[in-house]
């Protein structure tokens, strides 16, 4: 193990086998940190997953209101307690984030918190409409309290940093993009993928992959697909999928739902697309947009949240204003028309968005806290 790298205990309420941007980020950072000779034990909720080296599960219960999320008991495994930890890094403000905070304070260690998800955006999942405002305010108050206990708050984009400031957080806040595994996400041959999913090569493909959640506004893509001379493909799954498929049957559009795609399939999925379409206004980074870019695919997305920053308008794709379906369709069409130029811009920026660069920056930030 390198003497230069601190031992970092990571605490997360979202981890494998659940598939989302947080789990990929935490697991990728863990792998890269370990490969550099450091130690980054991960404490996560026990689920149907075979733990690898330096992965430590704690008892958990299924969260009934949000598919794939588990509630972990806020405890630190003895295997982590026995380590000579230098920094504690929480990727959640809830159960295991609290365990990380308690562990850091008990041992007088620097405490870092990553702000991955604005919990207030998911208030509609757990309460009736009439109480949503109350829960939103309570969520924001909790986030502010938790983040103010950190020695450093990390956000995956500058827009998300601004949101954290707007919450009234007084702790230091630094933007640090999560980074893309560009060894995995790169242009690849798509013949087998297209054949396996019975997709035509002579028709433009526009697609989205990720969680099918109502907060993603994916029905906007179905509306924009009407009048679009392209096939729209959805990869992934989630609670909104049945409603989306029902709506797609009523739309005058060529729409396909591919279901959950293994991570090994994603480079071919992105490479097969002529444009990635992203209507979600709640992203803190929009990692799938950057994965698409790393495969040479430009993005048409909403000018809201982190996508206002993640998509470089006119360079790696085009924006449209939230709620403007005609504008969304026009952004997709413009992205398709200029695909060759935009794709070259995306490929030229692969190193800038790489996880290796993120880990370089992470190492520097950890070092400043020691």
Protein backbone atom coordinates (compact mmCIF):
# COMPACT_ATOMS: atom_id res chain seq x y z
CA UNK A 1 0.00 0.00 0.00
CA UNK A 2 1.21 3.47 -0.86
CA UNK A 3 2.32 5.51 2.14
CA UNK A 4 1.11 8.65 0.37
CA UNK A 5 -2.55 7.74 0.04
CA UNK A 6 -4.78 8.13 3.10
CA UNK A 7 -7.05 5.31 4.20
CA UNK A 8 -10.58 6.53 3.48
CA UNK A 9 -13.65 4.89 5.02
CA UNK A 10 -16.60 5.38 2.64
CA UNK A 11 -20.18 5.13 3.94
CA UNK A 12 -23.07 4.83 1.49
CA UNK A 13 -26.76 3.92 1.65
CA UNK A 14 -26.74 3.12 -2.09
CA UNK A 15 -24.49 0.39 -3.42
CA UNK A 16 -24.38 -2.68 -5.60
CA UNK A 17 -26.40 -4.56 -6.78
CA UNK A 18 -28.60 -1.47 -7.05
CA UNK A 19 -27.89 0.28 -10.34
CA UNK A 20 -27.63 4.07 -10.31
CA UNK A 21 -25.07 6.85 -10.61
CA UNK A 22 -24.21 6.84 -6.91
CA UNK A 23 -23.47 3.11 -6.78
CA UNK A 24 -21.31 3.31 -9.89
CA UNK A 25 -19.43 6.31 -8.55
CA UNK A 26 -18.72 4.82 -5.13
CA UNK A 27 -17.74 1.43 -6.52
CA UNK A 28 -15.53 2.97 -9.23
CA UNK A 29 -13.80 5.31 -6.79
CA UNK A 30 -13.26 2.35 -4.48
CA UNK A 31 -11.72 0.27 -7.29
CA UNK A 32 -9.49 3.08 -8.54
CA UNK A 33 -8.31 4.03 -5.06
CA UNK A 34 -7.44 0.43 -4.27
CA UNK A 35 -5.65 0.04 -7.62
CA UNK A 36 -3.43 3.02 -6.72
CA UNK A 37 -2.31 1.21 -3.59
CA UNK A 38 -4.60 2.95 -1.12
CA UNK A 39 -7.37 1.59 1.06
CA UNK A 40 -10.99 2.65 0.73
CA UNK A 41 -13.23 0.29 2.69
CA UNK A 42 -16.89 0.75 1.74
CA UNK A 43 -19.68 0.34 4.30
CA UNK A 44 -23.01 -0.35 2.58
CA UNK A 45 -26.47 -1.91 3.18
CA UNK A 46 -26.53 -5.69 3.00
CA UNK A 47 -28.33 -6.95 -0.12
CA UNK A 48 -28.07 -9.75 -2.66
CA UNK A 49 -24.47 -8.96 -3.52
CA UNK A 50 -21.22 -10.85 -2.99
CA UNK A 51 -18.87 -8.44 -1.26
CA UNK A 52 -15.39 -8.00 -2.68
CA UNK A 53 -12.21 -6.93 -0.92
CA UNK A 54 -12.71 -4.01 1.48
CA UNK A 55 -16.51 -4.03 1.09
CA UNK A 56 -18.41 -4.33 4.38
CA UNK A 57 -22.16 -4.91 4.55
CA UNK A 58 -24.36 -3.96 7.50
CA UNK A 59 -27.93 -5.17 8.17
CA UNK A 60 -30.60 -3.37 6.18
CA UNK A 61 -34.31 -3.29 5.39
CA UNK A 62 -36.09 -2.61 2.12
CA UNK A 63 -37.31 0.96 1.75
CA UNK A 64 -40.99 0.64 0.68
CA UNK A 65 -41.31 3.98 -1.11
CA UNK A 66 -38.31 3.91 -3.44
CA UNK A 67 -37.46 0.82 -5.44
CA UNK A 68 -33.90 -0.47 -5.04
CA UNK A 69 -33.14 1.62 -1.96
CA UNK A 70 -32.44 -0.02 1.39
CA UNK A 71 -32.41 1.39 4.92
CA UNK A 72 -29.24 0.41 6.73
CA UNK A 73 -28.68 0.34 10.44
CA UNK A 74 -26.31 3.22 11.30
CA UNK A 75 -23.34 1.21 12.47
CA UNK A 76 -19.67 0.84 11.62
CA UNK A 77 -18.39 -2.73 11.13
CA UNK A 78 -15.62 -3.83 13.48
CA UNK A 79 -13.37 -4.52 10.48
CA UNK A 80 -13.46 -0.78 9.67
CA UNK A 81 -13.12 0.30 13.30
CA UNK A 82 -9.91 -1.72 13.54
CA UNK A 83 -8.33 0.05 10.57
CA UNK A 84 -6.05 3.06 10.85
CA UNK A 85 -8.50 5.37 9.05
CA UNK A 86 -7.36 8.87 7.99
CA UNK A 87 -10.51 10.30 6.40
CA UNK A 88 -14.23 9.45 6.56
CA UNK A 89 -16.30 10.07 3.43
CA UNK A 90 -20.12 9.85 3.50
CA UNK A 91 -22.13 9.51 0.30
CA UNK A 92 -25.50 9.83 2.05
CA UNK A 93 -27.01 12.09 4.74
CA UNK A 94 -29.06 9.25 6.22
CA UNK A 95 -28.40 5.95 8.02
CA UNK A 96 -24.85 5.12 7.06
CA UNK A 97 -23.95 8.77 6.61
CA UNK A 98 -24.81 9.26 10.26
CA UNK A 99 -22.70 6.23 11.13
CA UNK A 100 -19.80 7.80 9.24
CA UNK A 101 -20.27 11.14 10.99
CA UNK A 102 -20.36 9.48 14.39
CA UNK A 103 -17.25 7.43 13.57
CA UNK A 104 -15.37 10.54 12.39
CA UNK A 105 -16.27 12.55 15.46
CA UNK A 106 -15.44 9.73 17.86
CA UNK A 107 -11.96 9.35 16.39
CA UNK A 108 -11.39 13.04 15.58
CA UNK A 109 -11.07 12.41 11.83
CA UNK A 110 -11.75 14.73 8.86
CA UNK A 111 -15.29 14.22 7.58
CA UNK A 112 -16.16 14.63 3.88
CA UNK A 113 -19.72 14.51 2.54
CA UNK A 114 -20.67 14.07 -1.12
CA UNK A 115 -23.98 15.61 -2.17
CA UNK A 116 -25.26 13.22 -4.82
CA UNK A 117 -29.03 13.58 -4.66
CA UNK A 118 -31.38 16.40 -3.58
CA UNK A 119 -33.66 14.35 -1.33
CA UNK A 120 -36.39 17.00 -1.43
CA UNK A 121 -36.95 16.20 -5.12
CA UNK A 122 -38.30 12.78 -4.11
CA UNK A 123 -40.85 14.01 -1.58
CA UNK A 124 -43.75 12.98 -3.82
CA UNK A 125 -42.71 9.35 -3.45
CA UNK A 126 -43.40 9.19 0.26
CA UNK A 127 -46.17 11.71 1.04
CA UNK A 128 -49.48 12.97 -0.37
CA UNK A 129 -49.39 16.12 -2.46
CA UNK A 130 -50.72 18.24 0.36
CA UNK A 131 -47.77 17.37 2.58
CA UNK A 132 -45.07 17.54 -0.07
CA UNK A 133 -44.03 21.09 0.86
CA UNK A 134 -43.63 20.15 4.50
CA UNK A 135 -41.47 17.15 3.67
CA UNK A 136 -39.43 19.18 1.21
CA UNK A 137 -38.64 21.79 3.85
CA UNK A 138 -37.82 19.10 6.38
CA UNK A 139 -35.54 17.34 3.88
CA UNK A 140 -33.67 20.53 3.09
CA UNK A 141 -33.31 21.30 6.77
CA UNK A 142 -31.87 17.86 7.42
CA UNK A 143 -29.46 18.16 4.51
CA UNK A 144 -28.28 21.54 5.76
CA UNK A 145 -27.73 20.19 9.28
CA UNK A 146 -25.83 17.15 8.03
CA UNK A 147 -23.64 18.96 5.50
CA UNK A 148 -22.72 21.64 8.02
CA UNK A 149 -21.09 18.91 10.10
CA UNK A 150 -18.65 18.17 7.25
CA UNK A 151 -15.15 19.54 6.97
CA UNK A 152 -15.67 19.49 3.21
CA UNK A 153 -18.73 19.02 0.98
CA UNK A 154 -18.21 17.71 -2.54
CA UNK A 155 -20.72 18.24 -5.35
CA UNK A 156 -20.53 16.67 -8.82
CA UNK A 157 -21.11 19.98 -10.61
CA UNK A 158 -20.94 23.73 -10.08
CA UNK A 159 -24.73 23.97 -10.42
CA UNK A 160 -25.12 21.51 -7.56
CA UNK A 161 -22.58 23.47 -5.51
CA UNK A 162 -24.76 26.55 -6.03
CA UNK A 163 -27.80 24.56 -4.87
CA UNK A 164 -25.96 23.53 -1.69
CA UNK A 165 -25.07 27.17 -1.07
CA UNK A 166 -28.74 28.06 -1.58
CA UNK A 167 -29.62 25.59 1.17
CA UNK A 168 -27.62 27.82 3.50
CA UNK A 169 -24.76 25.39 4.12
CA UNK A 170 -21.78 27.10 5.76
CA UNK A 171 -19.25 24.25 5.36
CA UNK A 172 -16.65 24.52 2.56
CA UNK A 173 -18.11 23.25 -0.74
CA UNK A 174 -16.06 22.14 -3.74
CA UNK A 175 -17.32 20.88 -7.13
CA UNK A 176 -15.75 17.56 -8.08
CA UNK A 177 -17.19 15.70 -11.09
CA UNK A 178 -17.59 12.00 -10.37
CA UNK A 179 -15.79 11.04 -13.57
CA UNK A 180 -16.42 8.48 -16.30
CA UNK A 181 -14.62 5.17 -16.70
CA UNK A 182 -13.29 5.95 -20.17
CA UNK A 183 -11.62 2.55 -20.37
CA UNK A 184 -15.13 1.08 -20.45
CA UNK A 185 -17.06 3.89 -22.11
CA UNK A 186 -15.60 4.39 -25.56
CA UNK A 187 -16.85 3.90 -29.13
CA UNK A 188 -17.38 0.20 -29.85
CA UNK A 189 -18.80 -1.96 -32.62
CA UNK A 190 -22.59 -2.07 -32.42
CA UNK A 191 -23.58 -4.80 -34.90
CA UNK A 192 -24.26 -7.47 -32.27
CA UNK A 193 -26.18 -5.06 -30.05
CA UNK A 194 -28.40 -3.85 -32.89
CA UNK A 195 -29.09 -7.40 -34.03
CA UNK A 196 -29.82 -8.65 -30.50
CA UNK A 197 -32.40 -5.92 -29.96
CA UNK A 198 -33.76 -5.97 -33.53
CA UNK A 199 -32.88 -2.34 -34.20
CA UNK A 200 -32.48 -0.98 -37.73
CA UNK A 201 -29.23 0.57 -38.83
CA UNK A 202 -30.89 2.70 -41.55
CA UNK A 203 -32.93 4.83 -39.16
CA UNK A 204 -31.61 7.37 -36.62
CA UNK A 205 -31.62 6.15 -33.05
CA UNK A 206 -32.39 8.46 -30.14
CA UNK A 207 -32.26 7.01 -26.67
CA UNK A 208 -32.15 7.24 -22.92
CA UNK A 209 -30.92 4.78 -20.32
CA UNK A 210 -31.19 4.93 -16.57
CA UNK A 211 -33.83 4.87 -13.90
CA UNK A 212 -37.41 5.14 -15.17
CA UNK A 213 -38.55 7.44 -12.37
CA UNK A 214 -41.33 10.00 -12.56
CA UNK A 215 -38.88 12.70 -11.47
CA UNK A 216 -36.95 12.13 -14.72
CA UNK A 217 -39.83 13.55 -16.86
CA UNK A 218 -39.37 10.79 -19.42
CA UNK A 219 -42.89 11.32 -20.73
CA UNK A 220 -41.51 14.54 -22.25
CA UNK A 221 -39.34 12.38 -24.48
CA UNK A 222 -42.38 10.41 -25.61
CA UNK A 223 -44.16 13.64 -26.47
CA UNK A 224 -41.14 14.94 -28.36
CA UNK A 225 -40.89 11.63 -30.25
CA UNK A 226 -44.12 12.41 -32.11
CA UNK A 227 -43.16 13.85 -35.47
CA UNK A 228 -39.53 12.78 -35.00
CA UNK A 229 -38.04 10.80 -37.89
CA UNK A 230 -36.19 8.41 -35.61
CA UNK A 231 -36.58 5.37 -33.39
CA UNK A 232 -36.58 6.20 -29.68
CA UNK A 233 -35.14 3.51 -27.42
CA UNK A 234 -35.32 3.32 -23.64
CA UNK A 235 -32.85 1.27 -21.66
CA UNK A 236 -33.30 0.66 -17.97
CA UNK A 237 -36.24 0.15 -15.64
CA UNK A 238 -38.04 1.74 -12.74
CA UNK A 239 -41.43 2.57 -11.23
CA UNK A 240 -42.61 4.72 -14.15
CA UNK A 241 -41.94 2.11 -16.83
CA UNK A 242 -45.47 0.65 -17.05
CA UNK A 243 -47.00 4.10 -17.40
CA UNK A 244 -44.40 5.08 -19.99
CA UNK A 245 -45.07 1.96 -22.06
CA UNK A 246 -48.82 2.61 -21.88
CA UNK A 247 -48.31 6.21 -23.01
CA UNK A 248 -45.98 5.11 -25.81
CA UNK A 249 -48.71 2.87 -27.23
CA UNK A 250 -50.96 5.92 -27.51
CA UNK A 251 -48.33 8.09 -29.17
CA UNK A 252 -47.71 8.33 -32.90
CA UNK A 253 -44.04 7.47 -32.52
CA UNK A 254 -41.60 4.61 -33.01
CA UNK A 255 -40.62 3.76 -29.41
CA UNK A 256 -38.84 0.69 -28.06
CA UNK A 257 -38.25 -0.37 -24.45
CA UNK A 258 -35.19 -2.58 -24.08
CA UNK A 259 -35.44 -3.13 -20.34
CA UNK A 260 -32.52 -3.35 -17.97
CA UNK A 261 -29.16 -3.39 -19.74
CA UNK A 262 -26.09 -4.94 -18.16
CA UNK A 263 -23.28 -2.47 -17.68
CA UNK A 264 -21.26 -4.42 -20.25
CA UNK A 265 -23.92 -3.56 -22.86
CA UNK A 266 -23.95 0.18 -22.22
CA UNK A 267 -20.95 1.17 -24.39
CA UNK A 268 -22.67 -0.49 -27.36
CA UNK A 269 -25.98 1.14 -26.46
CA UNK A 270 -24.44 4.61 -26.35
CA UNK A 271 -22.36 3.98 -29.47
CA UNK A 272 -25.44 2.86 -31.39
CA UNK A 273 -27.32 6.09 -30.64
CA UNK A 274 -27.18 9.10 -32.90
CA UNK A 275 -28.33 11.28 -30.00
CA UNK A 276 -28.88 10.75 -26.29
CA UNK A 277 -32.06 12.46 -25.01
CA UNK A 278 -32.18 13.58 -21.39
CA UNK A 279 -35.25 15.46 -20.05
CA UNK A 280 -34.50 15.04 -16.32
CA UNK A 281 -34.39 18.39 -14.46
CA UNK A 282 -33.21 16.88 -11.15
CA UNK A 283 -29.70 15.71 -12.03
CA UNK A 284 -26.77 16.68 -9.83
CA UNK A 285 -24.37 15.72 -12.63
CA UNK A 286 -26.07 13.57 -15.27
CA UNK A 287 -23.44 10.84 -15.40
CA UNK A 288 -25.16 8.94 -18.21
CA UNK A 289 -24.87 12.01 -20.43
CA UNK A 290 -21.11 12.04 -19.87
CA UNK A 291 -20.92 8.28 -20.51
CA UNK A 292 -22.70 8.89 -23.81
CA UNK A 293 -20.23 11.67 -24.65
CA UNK A 294 -17.32 9.35 -23.88
CA UNK A 295 -18.73 6.98 -26.51
CA UNK A 296 -18.96 9.82 -29.04
CA UNK A 297 -22.69 10.45 -28.68
CA UNK A 298 -23.96 14.03 -28.24
CA UNK A 299 -26.85 14.87 -25.90
CA UNK A 300 -30.08 16.82 -26.27
CA UNK A 301 -31.18 17.72 -22.77
CA UNK A 302 -33.12 20.07 -20.57
CA UNK A 303 -31.53 23.37 -19.57
CA UNK A 304 -32.06 22.69 -15.85
CA UNK A 305 -30.14 21.28 -12.93
CA UNK A 306 -26.67 20.04 -13.65
CA UNK A 307 -27.53 19.32 -17.31
CA UNK A 308 -27.32 23.07 -17.88
CA UNK A 309 -23.61 22.60 -17.19
CA UNK A 310 -22.97 18.98 -18.24
CA UNK A 311 -24.16 19.66 -21.79
CA UNK A 312 -21.98 22.26 -23.49
CA UNK A 313 -24.58 23.85 -25.74
CA UNK A 314 -23.52 23.77 -29.38
CA UNK A 315 -20.40 21.76 -28.55
CA UNK A 316 -21.47 18.42 -27.06
CA UNK A 317 -25.20 18.73 -27.72
CA UNK A 318 -28.10 21.15 -27.37
CA UNK A 319 -30.40 22.40 -24.63
CA UNK A 320 -34.10 23.13 -24.54
CA UNK A 321 -36.12 24.92 -21.88
CA UNK A 322 -37.98 22.87 -19.31
CA UNK A 323 -41.53 22.02 -20.39
CA UNK A 324 -40.99 23.08 -24.02
CA UNK A 325 -41.78 19.90 -25.95
CA UNK A 326 -41.38 21.54 -29.35
CA UNK A 327 -38.04 22.89 -28.16
CA UNK A 328 -37.03 19.39 -27.03
CA UNK A 329 -37.88 17.96 -30.46
CA UNK A 330 -35.92 20.76 -32.15
CA UNK A 331 -32.91 20.14 -29.88
CA UNK A 332 -32.96 16.45 -30.80
CA UNK A 333 -33.27 17.22 -34.52
CA UNK A 334 -30.45 19.75 -34.37
CA UNK A 335 -28.27 17.27 -32.50
CA UNK A 336 -28.97 14.65 -35.17
CA UNK A 337 -28.25 17.11 -37.98
CA UNK A 338 -24.88 18.08 -36.46
CA UNK A 339 -24.01 14.71 -35.02
CA UNK A 340 -20.65 14.30 -36.77
CA UNK A 341 -19.24 17.62 -35.53
CA UNK A 342 -20.68 17.22 -32.03
CA UNK A 343 -19.38 13.66 -31.78
CA UNK A 344 -15.84 14.79 -32.52
CA UNK A 345 -16.10 17.41 -29.79
CA UNK A 346 -17.31 14.76 -27.35
CA UNK A 347 -14.41 12.43 -28.14
CA UNK A 348 -11.85 15.19 -27.83
CA UNK A 349 -12.92 15.75 -24.19
CA UNK A 350 -12.70 12.19 -22.96
CA UNK A 351 -9.68 12.80 -20.74
CA UNK A 352 -11.32 15.86 -19.16
CA UNK A 353 -14.30 13.82 -17.92
CA UNK A 354 -12.36 10.71 -16.89
CA UNK A 355 -12.58 9.12 -13.47
CA UNK A 356 -8.78 9.14 -13.36
CA UNK A 357 -8.84 12.93 -13.30
CA UNK A 358 -11.53 12.84 -10.62
CA UNK A 359 -9.38 10.56 -8.45
CA UNK A 360 -6.38 12.86 -8.93
CA UNK A 361 -8.47 15.76 -7.63
CA UNK A 362 -9.94 13.65 -4.84
CA UNK A 363 -6.47 12.68 -3.63
CA UNK A 364 -5.45 16.33 -3.50
CA UNK A 365 -8.56 17.33 -1.55
CA UNK A 366 -8.13 14.52 0.96
CA UNK A 367 -4.49 15.54 1.42
CA UNK A 368 -5.50 19.11 2.29
CA UNK A 369 -7.65 17.82 5.16
CA UNK A 370 -4.98 15.72 6.86
